Structure formats: C-alpha cells, structure tokens
Amino acid sequence: MLDKNFINNCKETLMKMKNEYSQVLKRPMSHEFKTSDTLDMATSERFLKDSVTFRKRMSDLLPRINAALMRIEHGTYGVCLVTGESINPNRLKAVPWTTMSLEGKNQYERGLGY
C-alpha cells in the first residue's frame, strides 16, 4: 500500500502535467517560415516536425494522466491491473500514469495479462 504523502505528490505531479499539457495544446502552432535561407528553412521545418511530435505525445498522454487521477480518487492508484499487486513507487515516480508493475507489463507483453 502506498503512503498518502506519496500519492499526494503523484497527484500534484499529474495535475501539473495535465495543466501544462492542456495549455500547450490549446495554443495554435505557427506554420510560418519567413526566410529564404535554405538552412533556416530546414531548421524551421525540423522544429515544426519536432513540435508536432511533442504535441502528439502530450495529446496521447492526457487520457492516461486523467485515468491516473481517477484511480487516485477511487483509491486504486498504484495497483497493477494485471497482477493486482502494488506498483513499485520508483516506477510510479518515473511513469506516474502507469497501470502496470514491471512484472505485470512483462506478463501482458507475453500475452498472459488482461
């Protein structure tokens, strides 16, 4: 069972991520390239591609973050969906939206979970 302070810290981290990602995704992306320099254009295009990738990652993570916040509210945060065991706190610190322990993830990938 996870300590309440630990869960509150995870909740705070998740809320910060949710707010930050939501704010970034609300802002329009700039597609303007005002340069005739080929190197500047290539750099700008690379930046745009990286920005799109970053925004896609944020967009993909938001539902997972919201689900983790719901698990906190329901008292099931930190419980592996595959094994039913507690998820290691170090894993939750690294990936606070995770739903599986390392063992559960391994079982799932081998087709033994869910």
PDB file of N, CA and C in Angstrom:
ATOM      1  N   MET A   1       0.848  -1.179   0.000  1.00  0.00           N
ATOM      2  CA  MET A   1       0.000   0.000   0.000  1.00  0.00           C
ATOM      3  C   MET A   1       0.891   1.239   0.000  1.00  0.00           C
ATOM      4  N   LEU A   2       0.506   2.209  -0.813  1.00  0.00           N
ATOM      5  CA  LEU A   2       1.301   3.422  -0.938  1.00  0.00           C
ATOM      6  C   LEU A   2       0.957   4.431   0.155  1.00  0.00           C
ATOM      7  N   ASP A   3       1.958   5.146   0.591  1.00  0.00           N
ATOM      8  CA  ASP A   3       1.829   6.195   1.589  1.00  0.00           C
ATOM      9  C   ASP A   3       0.994   7.360   1.029  1.00  0.00           C
ATOM     10  N   LYS A   4       0.148   7.958   1.864  1.00  0.00           N
ATOM     11  CA  LYS A   4      -0.716   9.061   1.414  1.00  0.00           C
ATOM     12  C   LYS A   4       0.089  10.247   0.899  1.00  0.00           C
ATOM     13  N   ASN A   5       1.216  10.545   1.542  1.00  0.00           N
ATOM     14  CA  ASN A   5       2.061  11.649   1.073  1.00  0.00           C
ATOM     15  C   ASN A   5       2.601  11.364  -0.319  1.00  0.00           C
ATOM     16  N   PHE A   6       2.989  10.112  -0.547  1.00  0.00           N
ATOM     17  CA  PHE A   6       3.487   9.721  -1.868  1.00  0.00           C
ATOM     18  C   PHE A   6       2.390   9.895  -2.914  1.00  0.00           C
ATOM     19  N   ILE A   7       1.196   9.421  -2.615  1.00  0.00           N
ATOM     20  CA  ILE A   7       0.071   9.543  -3.539  1.00  0.00           C
ATOM     21  C   ILE A   7      -0.247  11.021  -3.802  1.00  0.00           C
ATOM     22  N   ASN A   8      -0.222  11.838  -2.764  1.00  0.00           N
ATOM     23  CA  ASN A   8      -0.473  13.274  -2.945  1.00  0.00           C
ATOM     24  C   ASN A   8       0.592  13.917  -3.827  1.00  0.00           C
ATOM     25  N   ASN A   9       1.846  13.503  -3.671  1.00  0.00           N
ATOM     26  CA  ASN A   9       2.912  14.013  -4.536  1.00  0.00           C
ATOM     27  C   ASN A   9       2.694  13.588  -5.985  1.00  0.00           C
ATOM     28  N   CYS A  10       2.277  12.346  -6.178  1.00  0.00           N
ATOM     29  CA  CYS A  10       1.981  11.868  -7.536  1.00  0.00           C
ATOM     30  C   CYS A  10       0.813  12.646  -8.125  1.00  0.00           C
ATOM     31  N   LYS A  11      -0.201  12.886  -7.309  1.00  0.00           N
ATOM     32  CA  LYS A  11      -1.358  13.649  -7.774  1.00  0.00           C
ATOM     33  C   LYS A  11      -0.942  15.051  -8.189  1.00  0.00           C
ATOM     34  N   GLU A  12      -0.093  15.669  -7.387  1.00  0.00           N
ATOM     35  CA  GLU A  12       0.386  17.011  -7.716  1.00  0.00           C
ATOM     36  C   GLU A  12       1.168  17.005  -9.033  1.00  0.00           C
ATOM     37  N   THR A  13       2.027  16.019  -9.202  1.00  0.00           N
ATOM     38  CA  THR A  13       2.795  15.888 -10.446  1.00  0.00           C
ATOM     39  C   THR A  13       1.863  15.699 -11.632  1.00  0.00           C
ATOM     40  N   LEU A  14       0.891  14.812 -11.493  1.00  0.00           N
ATOM     41  CA  LEU A  14      -0.060  14.552 -12.577  1.00  0.00           C
ATOM     42  C   LEU A  14      -0.891  15.797 -12.907  1.00  0.00           C
ATOM     43  N   MET A  15      -1.308  16.527 -11.887  1.00  0.00           N
ATOM     44  CA  MET A  15      -2.093  17.747 -12.123  1.00  0.00           C
ATOM     45  C   MET A  15      -1.253  18.802 -12.853  1.00  0.00           C
ATOM     46  N   LYS A  16       0.003  18.937 -12.470  1.00  0.00           N
ATOM     47  CA  LYS A  16       0.890  19.879 -13.154  1.00  0.00           C
ATOM     48  C   LYS A  16       1.049  19.494 -14.620  1.00  0.00           C
ATOM     49  N   MET A  17       1.264  18.209 -14.858  1.00  0.00           N
ATOM     50  CA  MET A  17       1.409  17.728 -16.231  1.00  0.00           C
ATOM     51  C   MET A  17       0.137  17.995 -17.019  1.00  0.00           C
ATOM     52  N   LYS A  18      -0.994  17.671 -16.433  1.00  0.00           N
ATOM     53  CA  LYS A  18      -2.279  17.865 -17.104  1.00  0.00           C
ATOM     54  C   LYS A  18      -2.471  19.334 -17.475  1.00  0.00           C
ATOM     55  N   ASN A  19      -2.231  20.222 -16.526  1.00  0.00           N
ATOM     56  CA  ASN A  19      -2.417  21.650 -16.784  1.00  0.00           C
ATOM     57  C   ASN A  19      -1.436  22.169 -17.831  1.00  0.00           C
ATOM     58  N   GLU A  20      -0.185  21.764 -17.700  1.00  0.00           N
ATOM     59  CA  GLU A  20       0.837  22.206 -18.652  1.00  0.00           C
ATOM     60  C   GLU A  20       0.526  21.704 -20.061  1.00  0.00           C
ATOM     61  N   TYR A  21       0.229  20.425 -20.183  1.00  0.00           N
ATOM     62  CA  TYR A  21      -0.064  19.850 -21.493  1.00  0.00           C
ATOM     63  C   TYR A  21      -1.317  20.472 -22.095  1.00  0.00           C
ATOM     64  N   SER A  22      -2.335  20.682 -21.274  1.00  0.00           N
ATOM     65  CA  SER A  22      -3.575  21.283 -21.775  1.00  0.00           C
ATOM     66  C   SER A  22      -3.319  22.683 -22.308  1.00  0.00           C
ATOM     67  N   GLN A  23      -2.502  23.454 -21.593  1.00  0.00           N
ATOM     68  CA  GLN A  23      -2.188  24.814 -22.037  1.00  0.00           C
ATOM     69  C   GLN A  23      -1.427  24.797 -23.358  1.00  0.00           C
ATOM     70  N   VAL A  24      -0.451  23.926 -23.471  1.00  0.00           N
ATOM     71  CA  VAL A  24       0.330  23.841 -24.708  1.00  0.00           C
ATOM     72  C   VAL A  24      -0.563  23.443 -25.876  1.00  0.00           C
ATOM     73  N   LEU A  25      -1.446  22.481 -25.650  1.00  0.00           N
ATOM     74  CA  LEU A  25      -2.294  22.004 -26.745  1.00  0.00           C
ATOM     75  C   LEU A  25      -3.348  23.009 -27.159  1.00  0.00           C
ATOM     76  N   LYS A  26      -3.690  23.951 -26.279  1.00  0.00           N
ATOM     77  CA  LYS A  26      -4.662  24.997 -26.624  1.00  0.00           C
ATOM     78  C   LYS A  26      -4.057  26.053 -27.550  1.00  0.00           C
ATOM     79  N   ARG A  27      -2.740  26.228 -27.454  1.00  0.00           N
ATOM     80  CA  ARG A  27      -2.075  27.240 -28.277  1.00  0.00           C
ATOM     81  C   ARG A  27      -1.958  26.761 -29.712  1.00  0.00           C
ATOM     82  N   PRO A  28      -2.238  27.659 -30.654  1.00  0.00           N
ATOM     83  CA  PRO A  28      -2.073  27.272 -32.063  1.00  0.00           C
ATOM     84  C   PRO A  28      -0.590  27.133 -32.414  1.00  0.00           C
ATOM     85  N   MET A  29      -0.318  26.254 -33.343  1.00  0.00           N
ATOM     86  CA  MET A  29       1.054  26.087 -33.817  1.00  0.00           C
ATOM     87  C   MET A  29       1.311  27.075 -34.939  1.00  0.00           C
ATOM     88  N   SER A  30       2.501  27.601 -34.988  1.00  0.00           N
ATOM     89  CA  SER A  30       2.889  28.512 -36.062  1.00  0.00           C
ATOM     90  C   SER A  30       3.466  27.690 -37.205  1.00  0.00           C
ATOM     91  N   HIS A  31       2.958  27.934 -38.398  1.00  0.00           N
ATOM     92  CA  HIS A  31       3.445  27.236 -39.591  1.00  0.00           C
ATOM     93  C   HIS A  31       4.167  28.185 -40.538  1.00  0.00           C
ATOM     94  N   GLU A  32       4.466  29.361 -40.082  1.00  0.00           N
ATOM     95  CA  GLU A  32       5.068  30.366 -40.946  1.00  0.00           C
ATOM     96  C   GLU A  32       6.581  30.213 -40.994  1.00  0.00           C
ATOM     97  N   PHE A  33       7.105  30.239 -42.210  1.00  0.00           N
ATOM     98  CA  PHE A  33       8.549  30.247 -42.436  1.00  0.00           C
ATOM     99  C   PHE A  33       8.866  31.498 -43.225  1.00  0.00           C
ATOM    100  N   LYS A  34       9.416  32.497 -42.551  1.00  0.00           N
ATOM    101  CA  LYS A  34       9.716  33.766 -43.212  1.00  0.00           C
ATOM    102  C   LYS A  34      11.215  33.880 -43.421  1.00  0.00           C
ATOM    103  N   THR A  35      11.738  33.060 -44.285  1.00  0.00           N
ATOM    104  CA  THR A  35      13.164  33.099 -44.585  1.00  0.00           C
ATOM    105  C   THR A  35      13.385  32.521 -45.968  1.00  0.00           C
ATOM    106  N   SER A  36      14.435  32.981 -46.592  1.00  0.00           N
ATOM    107  CA  SER A  36      14.797  32.409 -47.886  1.00  0.00           C
ATOM    108  C   SER A  36      16.054  31.560 -47.751  1.00  0.00           C
ATOM    109  N   ASP A  37      16.646  31.564 -46.587  1.00  0.00           N
ATOM    110  CA  ASP A  37      17.843  30.788 -46.317  1.00  0.00           C
ATOM    111  C   ASP A  37      17.477  29.315 -46.203  1.00  0.00           C
ATOM    112  N   THR A  38      18.095  28.476 -46.996  1.00  0.00           N
ATOM    113  CA  THR A  38      17.792  27.044 -47.025  1.00  0.00           C
ATOM    114  C   THR A  38      18.051  26.382 -45.668  1.00  0.00           C
ATOM    115  N   LEU A  39      19.137  26.745 -45.010  1.00  0.00           N
ATOM    116  CA  LEU A  39      19.446  26.163 -43.713  1.00  0.00           C
ATOM    117  C   LEU A  39      18.405  26.587 -42.680  1.00  0.00           C
ATOM    118  N   ASP A  40      18.026  27.858 -42.687  1.00  0.00           N
ATOM    119  CA  ASP A  40      16.989  28.325 -41.776  1.00  0.00           C
ATOM    120  C   ASP A  40      15.671  27.609 -42.026  1.00  0.00           C
ATOM    121  N   MET A  41      15.335  27.395 -43.294  1.00  0.00           N
ATOM    122  CA  MET A  41      14.090  26.691 -43.628  1.00  0.00           C
ATOM    123  C   MET A  41      14.145  25.249 -43.135  1.00  0.00           C
ATOM    124  N   ALA A  42      15.285  24.596 -43.315  1.00  0.00           N
ATOM    125  CA  ALA A  42      15.430  23.208 -42.868  1.00  0.00           C
ATOM    126  C   ALA A  42      15.316  23.133 -41.346  1.00  0.00           C
ATOM    127  N   THR A  43      15.941  24.084 -40.664  1.00  0.00           N
ATOM    128  CA  THR A  43      15.859  24.128 -39.204  1.00  0.00           C
ATOM    129  C   THR A  43      14.425  24.366 -38.764  1.00  0.00           C
ATOM    130  N   SER A  44      13.734  25.282 -39.427  1.00  0.00           N
ATOM    131  CA  SER A  44      12.342  25.578 -39.090  1.00  0.00           C
ATOM    132  C   SER A  44      11.447  24.380 -39.333  1.00  0.00           C
ATOM    133  N   GLU A  45      11.671  23.693 -40.426  1.00  0.00           N
ATOM    134  CA  GLU A  45      10.867  22.509 -40.733  1.00  0.00           C
ATOM    135  C   GLU A  45      11.123  21.403 -39.701  1.00  0.00           C
ATOM    136  N   ARG A  46      12.356  21.255 -39.284  1.00  0.00           N
ATOM    137  CA  ARG A  46      12.701  20.260 -38.266  1.00  0.00           C
ATOM    138  C   ARG A  46      12.029  20.613 -36.937  1.00  0.00           C
ATOM    139  N   PHE A  47      12.068  21.909 -36.600  1.00  0.00           N
ATOM    140  CA  PHE A  47      11.427  22.375 -35.382  1.00  0.00           C
ATOM    141  C   PHE A  47       9.924  22.097 -35.435  1.00  0.00           C
ATOM    142  N   LEU A  48       9.300  22.354 -36.581  1.00  0.00           N
ATOM    143  CA  LEU A  48       7.872  22.103 -36.733  1.00  0.00           C
ATOM    144  C   LEU A  48       7.564  20.611 -36.573  1.00  0.00           C
ATOM    145  N   LYS A  49       8.377  19.779 -37.199  1.00  0.00           N
ATOM    146  CA  LYS A  49       8.173  18.325 -37.086  1.00  0.00           C
ATOM    147  C   LYS A  49       8.314  17.881 -35.630  1.00  0.00           C
ATOM    148  N   ASP A  50       9.338  18.385 -34.942  1.00  0.00           N
ATOM    149  CA  ASP A  50       9.530  18.048 -33.530  1.00  0.00           C
ATOM    150  C   ASP A  50       8.359  18.546 -32.689  1.00  0.00           C
ATOM    151  N   SER A  51       7.854  19.740 -33.013  1.00  0.00           N
ATOM    152  CA  SER A  51       6.720  20.305 -32.281  1.00  0.00           C
ATOM    153  C   SER A  51       5.477  19.443 -32.453  1.00  0.00           C
ATOM    154  N   VAL A  52       5.250  18.981 -33.664  1.00  0.00           N
ATOM    155  CA  VAL A  52       4.090  18.123 -33.944  1.00  0.00           C
ATOM    156  C   VAL A  52       4.219  16.816 -33.160  1.00  0.00           C
ATOM    157  N   THR A  53       5.406  16.246 -33.158  1.00  0.00           N
ATOM    158  CA  THR A  53       5.645  15.002 -32.424  1.00  0.00           C
ATOM    159  C   THR A  53       5.426  15.201 -30.929  1.00  0.00           C
ATOM    160  N   PHE A  54       5.938  16.306 -30.399  1.00  0.00           N
ATOM    161  CA  PHE A  54       5.793  16.610 -28.981  1.00  0.00           C
ATOM    162  C   PHE A  54       4.325  16.811 -28.613  1.00  0.00           C
ATOM    163  N   ARG A  55       3.590  17.547 -29.448  1.00  0.00           N
ATOM    164  CA  ARG A  55       2.169  17.783 -29.192  1.00  0.00           C
ATOM    165  C   ARG A  55       1.380  16.467 -29.279  1.00  0.00           C
ATOM    166  N   LYS A  56       1.747  15.603 -30.191  1.00  0.00           N
ATOM    167  CA  LYS A  56       1.076  14.298 -30.324  1.00  0.00           C
ATOM    168  C   LYS A  56       1.294  13.473 -29.060  1.00  0.00           C
ATOM    169  N   ARG A  57       2.521  13.506 -28.555  1.00  0.00           N
ATOM    170  CA  ARG A  57       2.827  12.761 -27.320  1.00  0.00           C
ATOM    171  C   ARG A  57       1.998  13.305 -26.160  1.00  0.00           C
ATOM    172  N   MET A  58       1.919  14.623 -26.048  1.00  0.00           N
ATOM    173  CA  MET A  58       1.111  15.233 -24.988  1.00  0.00           C
ATOM    174  C   MET A  58      -0.351  14.827 -25.130  1.00  0.00           C
ATOM    175  N   SER A  59      -0.839  14.875 -26.343  1.00  0.00           N
ATOM    176  CA  SER A  59      -2.229  14.522 -26.615  1.00  0.00           C
ATOM    177  C   SER A  59      -2.509  13.064 -26.251  1.00  0.00           C
ATOM    178  N   ASP A  60      -1.559  12.192 -26.530  1.00  0.00           N
ATOM    179  CA  ASP A  60      -1.710  10.770 -26.207  1.00  0.00           C
ATOM    180  C   ASP A  60      -1.641  10.521 -24.698  1.00  0.00           C
ATOM    181  N   LEU A  61      -0.855  11.330 -23.983  1.00  0.00           N
ATOM    182  CA  LEU A  61      -0.688  11.122 -22.547  1.00  0.00           C
ATOM    183  C   LEU A  61      -1.833  11.699 -21.713  1.00  0.00           C
ATOM    184  N   LEU A  62      -2.508  12.715 -22.203  1.00  0.00           N
ATOM    185  CA  LEU A  62      -3.568  13.332 -21.407  1.00  0.00           C
ATOM    186  C   LEU A  62      -4.628  12.344 -20.921  1.00  0.00           C
ATOM    187  N   PRO A  63      -5.153  11.458 -21.758  1.00  0.00           N
ATOM    188  CA  PRO A  63      -6.131  10.482 -21.245  1.00  0.00           C
ATOM    189  C   PRO A  63      -5.540   9.558 -20.177  1.00  0.00           C
ATOM    190  N   ARG A  64      -4.272   9.213 -20.311  1.00  0.00           N
ATOM    191  CA  ARG A  64      -3.620   8.361 -19.315  1.00  0.00           C
ATOM    192  C   ARG A  64      -3.454   9.109 -17.993  1.00  0.00           C
ATOM    193  N   ILE A  65      -3.109  10.383 -18.098  1.00  0.00           N
ATOM    194  CA  ILE A  65      -2.969  11.218 -16.898  1.00  0.00           C
ATOM    195  C   ILE A  65      -4.322  11.346 -16.206  1.00  0.00           C
ATOM    196  N   ASN A  66      -5.366  11.617 -16.981  1.00  0.00           N
ATOM    197  CA  ASN A  66      -6.716  11.723 -16.411  1.00  0.00           C
ATOM    198  C   ASN A  66      -7.147  10.413 -15.748  1.00  0.00           C
ATOM    199  N   ALA A  67      -6.822   9.297 -16.375  1.00  0.00           N
ATOM    200  CA  ALA A  67      -7.174   7.994 -15.807  1.00  0.00           C
ATOM    201  C   ALA A  67      -6.423   7.763 -14.491  1.00  0.00           C
ATOM    202  N   ALA A  68      -5.158   8.175 -14.433  1.00  0.00           N
ATOM    203  CA  ALA A  68      -4.383   8.029 -13.195  1.00  0.00           C
ATOM    204  C   ALA A  68      -4.998   8.878 -12.082  1.00  0.00           C
ATOM    205  N   LEU A  69      -5.425  10.087 -12.427  1.00  0.00           N
ATOM    206  CA  LEU A  69      -6.081  10.945 -11.434  1.00  0.00           C
ATOM    207  C   LEU A  69      -7.384  10.318 -10.941  1.00  0.00           C
ATOM    208  N   MET A  70      -8.109   9.671 -11.824  1.00  0.00           N
ATOM    209  CA  MET A  70      -9.342   8.975 -11.423  1.00  0.00           C
ATOM    210  C   MET A  70      -9.022   7.803 -10.492  1.00  0.00           C
ATOM    211  N   ARG A  71      -7.941   7.079 -10.789  1.00  0.00           N
ATOM    212  CA  ARG A  71      -7.556   5.965  -9.920  1.00  0.00           C
ATOM    213  C   ARG A  71      -7.179   6.480  -8.533  1.00  0.00           C
ATOM    214  N   ILE A  72      -6.556   7.646  -8.472  1.00  0.00           N
ATOM    215  CA  ILE A  72      -6.237   8.238  -7.172  1.00  0.00           C
ATOM    216  C   ILE A  72      -7.532   8.519  -6.420  1.00  0.00           C
ATOM    217  N   GLU A  73      -8.506   9.115  -7.096  1.00  0.00           N
ATOM    218  CA  GLU A  73      -9.788   9.442  -6.465  1.00  0.00           C
ATOM    219  C   GLU A  73     -10.533   8.192  -5.999  1.00  0.00           C
ATOM    220  N   HIS A  74     -10.397   7.100  -6.754  1.00  0.00           N
ATOM    221  CA  HIS A  74     -11.103   5.858  -6.420  1.00  0.00           C
ATOM    222  C   HIS A  74     -10.312   4.955  -5.481  1.00  0.00           C
ATOM    223  N   GLY A  75      -9.091   5.361  -5.141  1.00  0.00           N
ATOM    224  CA  GLY A  75      -8.282   4.571  -4.215  1.00  0.00           C
ATOM    225  C   GLY A  75      -7.610   3.361  -4.834  1.00  0.00           C
ATOM    226  N   THR A  76      -7.501   3.332  -6.157  1.00  0.00           N
ATOM    227  CA  THR A  76      -6.874   2.188  -6.822  1.00  0.00           C
ATOM    228  C   THR A  76      -5.541   2.545  -7.476  1.00  0.00           C
ATOM    229  N   TYR A  77      -5.068   3.760  -7.244  1.00  0.00           N
ATOM    230  CA  TYR A  77      -3.804   4.198  -7.834  1.00  0.00           C
ATOM    231  C   TYR A  77      -2.658   3.354  -7.276  1.00  0.00           C
ATOM    232  N   GLY A  78      -1.768   2.939  -8.176  1.00  0.00           N
ATOM    233  CA  GLY A  78      -0.606   2.168  -7.753  1.00  0.00           C
ATOM    234  C   GLY A  78      -0.838   0.678  -7.677  1.00  0.00           C
ATOM    235  N   VAL A  79      -2.015   0.223  -8.103  1.00  0.00           N
ATOM    236  CA  VAL A  79      -2.314  -1.212  -8.122  1.00  0.00           C
ATOM    237  C   VAL A  79      -2.229  -1.683  -9.574  1.00  0.00           C
ATOM    238  N   CYS A  80      -1.417  -2.685  -9.813  1.00  0.00           N
ATOM    239  CA  CYS A  80      -1.220  -3.219 -11.160  1.00  0.00           C
ATOM    240  C   CYS A  80      -2.512  -3.862 -11.667  1.00  0.00           C
ATOM    241  N   LEU A  81      -2.918  -3.481 -12.875  1.00  0.00           N
ATOM    242  CA  LEU A  81      -4.141  -4.031 -13.464  1.00  0.00           C
ATOM    243  C   LEU A  81      -3.986  -5.493 -13.880  1.00  0.00           C
ATOM    244  N   VAL A  82      -2.747  -5.951 -14.024  1.00  0.00           N
ATOM    245  CA  VAL A  82      -2.515  -7.331 -14.446  1.00  0.00           C
ATOM    246  C   VAL A  82      -2.357  -8.254 -13.248  1.00  0.00           C
ATOM    247  N   THR A  83      -1.501  -7.887 -12.325  1.00  0.00           N
ATOM    248  CA  THR A  83      -1.193  -8.779 -11.199  1.00  0.00           C
ATOM    249  C   THR A  83      -2.010  -8.485  -9.950  1.00  0.00           C
ATOM    250  N   GLY A  84      -2.550  -7.277  -9.845  1.00  0.00           N
ATOM    251  CA  GLY A  84      -3.276  -6.876  -8.649  1.00  0.00           C
ATOM    252  C   GLY A  84      -2.357  -6.485  -7.497  1.00  0.00           C
ATOM    253  N   GLU A  85      -1.064  -6.526  -7.746  1.00  0.00           N
ATOM    254  CA  GLU A  85      -0.068  -6.171  -6.733  1.00  0.00           C
ATOM    255  C   GLU A  85       0.255  -4.680  -6.819  1.00  0.00           C
ATOM    256  N   SER A  86       0.900  -4.174  -5.782  1.00  0.00           N
ATOM    257  CA  SER A  86       1.314  -2.772  -5.772  1.00  0.00           C
ATOM    258  C   SER A  86       2.417  -2.532  -6.798  1.00  0.00           C
ATOM    259  N   ILE A  87       2.335  -1.392  -7.448  1.00  0.00           N
ATOM    260  CA  ILE A  87       3.373  -0.972  -8.387  1.00  0.00           C
ATOM    261  C   ILE A  87       4.491  -0.315  -7.573  1.00  0.00           C
ATOM    262  N   ASN A  88       5.717  -0.634  -7.895  1.00  0.00           N
ATOM    263  CA  ASN A  88       6.868  -0.078  -7.202  1.00  0.00           C
ATOM    264  C   ASN A  88       6.817   1.454  -7.247  1.00  0.00           C
ATOM    265  N   PRO A  89       6.970   2.120  -6.099  1.00  0.00           N
ATOM    266  CA  PRO A  89       6.933   3.584  -6.066  1.00  0.00           C
ATOM    267  C   PRO A  89       7.942   4.251  -7.002  1.00  0.00           C
ATOM    268  N   ASN A  90       9.101   3.639  -7.193  1.00  0.00           N
ATOM    269  CA  ASN A  90      10.089   4.216  -8.116  1.00  0.00           C
ATOM    270  C   ASN A  90       9.562   4.217  -9.545  1.00  0.00           C
ATOM    271  N   ARG A  91       8.808   3.194  -9.898  1.00  0.00           N
ATOM    272  CA  ARG A  91       8.201   3.148 -11.240  1.00  0.00           C
ATOM    273  C   ARG A  91       7.140   4.235 -11.356  1.00  0.00           C
ATOM    274  N   LEU A  92       6.351   4.419 -10.304  1.00  0.00           N
ATOM    275  CA  LEU A  92       5.323   5.457 -10.330  1.00  0.00           C
ATOM    276  C   LEU A  92       5.934   6.857 -10.394  1.00  0.00           C
ATOM    277  N   LYS A  93       7.076   7.043  -9.755  1.00  0.00           N
ATOM    278  CA  LYS A  93       7.763   8.331  -9.854  1.00  0.00           C
ATOM    279  C   LYS A  93       8.195   8.588 -11.289  1.00  0.00           C
ATOM    280  N   ALA A  94       8.691   7.556 -11.953  1.00  0.00           N
ATOM    281  CA  ALA A  94       9.183   7.694 -13.326  1.00  0.00           C
ATOM    282  C   ALA A  94       8.046   7.790 -14.336  1.00  0.00           C
ATOM    283  N   VAL A  95       6.987   7.019 -14.115  1.00  0.00           N
ATOM    284  CA  VAL A  95       5.856   6.964 -15.042  1.00  0.00           C
ATOM    285  C   VAL A  95       4.574   7.022 -14.205  1.00  0.00           C
ATOM    286  N   PRO A  96       4.198   8.220 -13.747  1.00  0.00           N
ATOM    287  CA  PRO A  96       3.093   8.315 -12.782  1.00  0.00           C
ATOM    288  C   PRO A  96       1.724   7.893 -13.325  1.00  0.00           C
ATOM    289  N   TRP A  97       1.577   7.726 -14.617  1.00  0.00           N
ATOM    290  CA  TRP A  97       0.298   7.316 -15.204  1.00  0.00           C
ATOM    291  C   TRP A  97       0.255   5.812 -15.479  1.00  0.00           C
ATOM    292  N   THR A  98       1.300   5.093 -15.119  1.00  0.00           N
ATOM    293  CA  THR A  98       1.363   3.670 -15.435  1.00  0.00           C
ATOM    294  C   THR A  98       0.243   2.887 -14.748  1.00  0.00           C
ATOM    295  N   THR A  99      -0.171   1.829 -15.391  1.00  0.00           N
ATOM    296  CA  THR A  99      -1.210   0.959 -14.839  1.00  0.00           C
ATOM    297  C   THR A  99      -0.662  -0.428 -14.501  1.00  0.00           C
ATOM    298  N   MET A 100       0.632  -0.645 -14.803  1.00  0.00           N
ATOM    299  CA  MET A 100       1.203  -1.976 -14.609  1.00  0.00           C
ATOM    300  C   MET A 100       2.549  -1.918 -13.911  1.00  0.00           C
ATOM    301  N   SER A 101       2.770  -2.893 -13.060  1.00  0.00           N
ATOM    302  CA  SER A 101       4.099  -3.099 -12.494  1.00  0.00           C
ATOM    303  C   SER A 101       4.987  -3.663 -13.603  1.00  0.00           C
ATOM    304  N   LEU A 102       6.273  -3.742 -13.347  1.00  0.00           N
ATOM    305  CA  LEU A 102       7.156  -4.338 -14.364  1.00  0.00           C
ATOM    306  C   LEU A 102       6.784  -5.785 -14.627  1.00  0.00           C
ATOM    307  N   GLU A 103       6.458  -6.528 -13.568  1.00  0.00           N
ATOM    308  CA  GLU A 103       6.044  -7.922 -13.744  1.00  0.00           C
ATOM    309  C   GLU A 103       4.741  -7.993 -14.545  1.00  0.00           C
ATOM    310  N   GLY A 104       3.794  -7.129 -14.215  1.00  0.00           N
ATOM    311  CA  GLY A 104       2.536  -7.094 -14.957  1.00  0.00           C
ATOM    312  C   GLY A 104       2.739  -6.738 -16.416  1.00  0.00           C
ATOM    313  N   LYS A 105       3.633  -5.797 -16.668  1.00  0.00           N
ATOM    314  CA  LYS A 105       3.935  -5.405 -18.052  1.00  0.00           C
ATOM    315  C   LYS A 105       4.550  -6.570 -18.814  1.00  0.00           C
ATOM    316  N   ASN A 106       5.462  -7.287 -18.158  1.00  0.00           N
ATOM    317  CA  ASN A 106       6.077  -8.457 -18.794  1.00  0.00           C
ATOM    318  C   ASN A 106       5.029  -9.524 -19.101  1.00  0.00           C
ATOM    319  N   GLN A 107       4.132  -9.778 -18.151  1.00  0.00           N
ATOM    320  CA  GLN A 107       3.068 -10.756 -18.382  1.00  0.00           C
ATOM    321  C   GLN A 107       2.167 -10.308 -19.527  1.00  0.00           C
ATOM    322  N   TYR A 108       1.819  -9.046 -19.533  1.00  0.00           N
ATOM    323  CA  TYR A 108       0.952  -8.503 -20.578  1.00  0.00           C
ATOM    324  C   TYR A 108       1.603  -8.663 -21.955  1.00  0.00           C
ATOM    325  N   GLU A 109       2.896  -8.338 -22.034  1.00  0.00           N
ATOM    326  CA  GLU A 109       3.611  -8.447 -23.306  1.00  0.00           C
ATOM    327  C   GLU A 109       3.759  -9.891 -23.773  1.00  0.00           C
ATOM    328  N   ARG A 110       3.750 -10.825 -22.832  1.00  0.00           N
ATOM    329  CA  ARG A 110       3.823 -12.248 -23.188  1.00  0.00           C
ATOM    330  C   ARG A 110       2.434 -12.821 -23.468  1.00  0.00           C
ATOM    331  N   GLY A 111       1.414 -11.965 -23.351  1.00  0.00           N
ATOM    332  CA  GLY A 111       0.059 -12.416 -23.620  1.00  0.00           C
ATOM    333  C   GLY A 111      -0.611 -13.087 -22.441  1.00  0.00           C
ATOM    334  N   LEU A 112      -0.075 -12.902 -21.242  1.00  0.00           N
ATOM    335  CA  LEU A 112      -0.622 -13.579 -20.076  1.00  0.00           C
ATOM    336  C   LEU A 112      -1.522 -12.700 -19.226  1.00  0.00           C
ATOM    337  N   GLY A 113      -1.603 -11.412 -19.566  1.00  0.00           N
ATOM    338  CA  GLY A 113      -2.378 -10.482 -18.719  1.00  0.00           C
ATOM    339  C   GLY A 113      -3.575  -9.922 -19.452  1.00  0.00           C
ATOM    340  N   TYR A 114      -4.445  -9.280 -18.641  1.00  0.00           N
ATOM    341  CA  TYR A 114      -5.694  -8.673 -19.112  1.00  0.00           C
ATOM    342  C   TYR A 114      -6.581  -9.751 -19.587  1.00  0.00           C
TER     343      TYR A 114
END
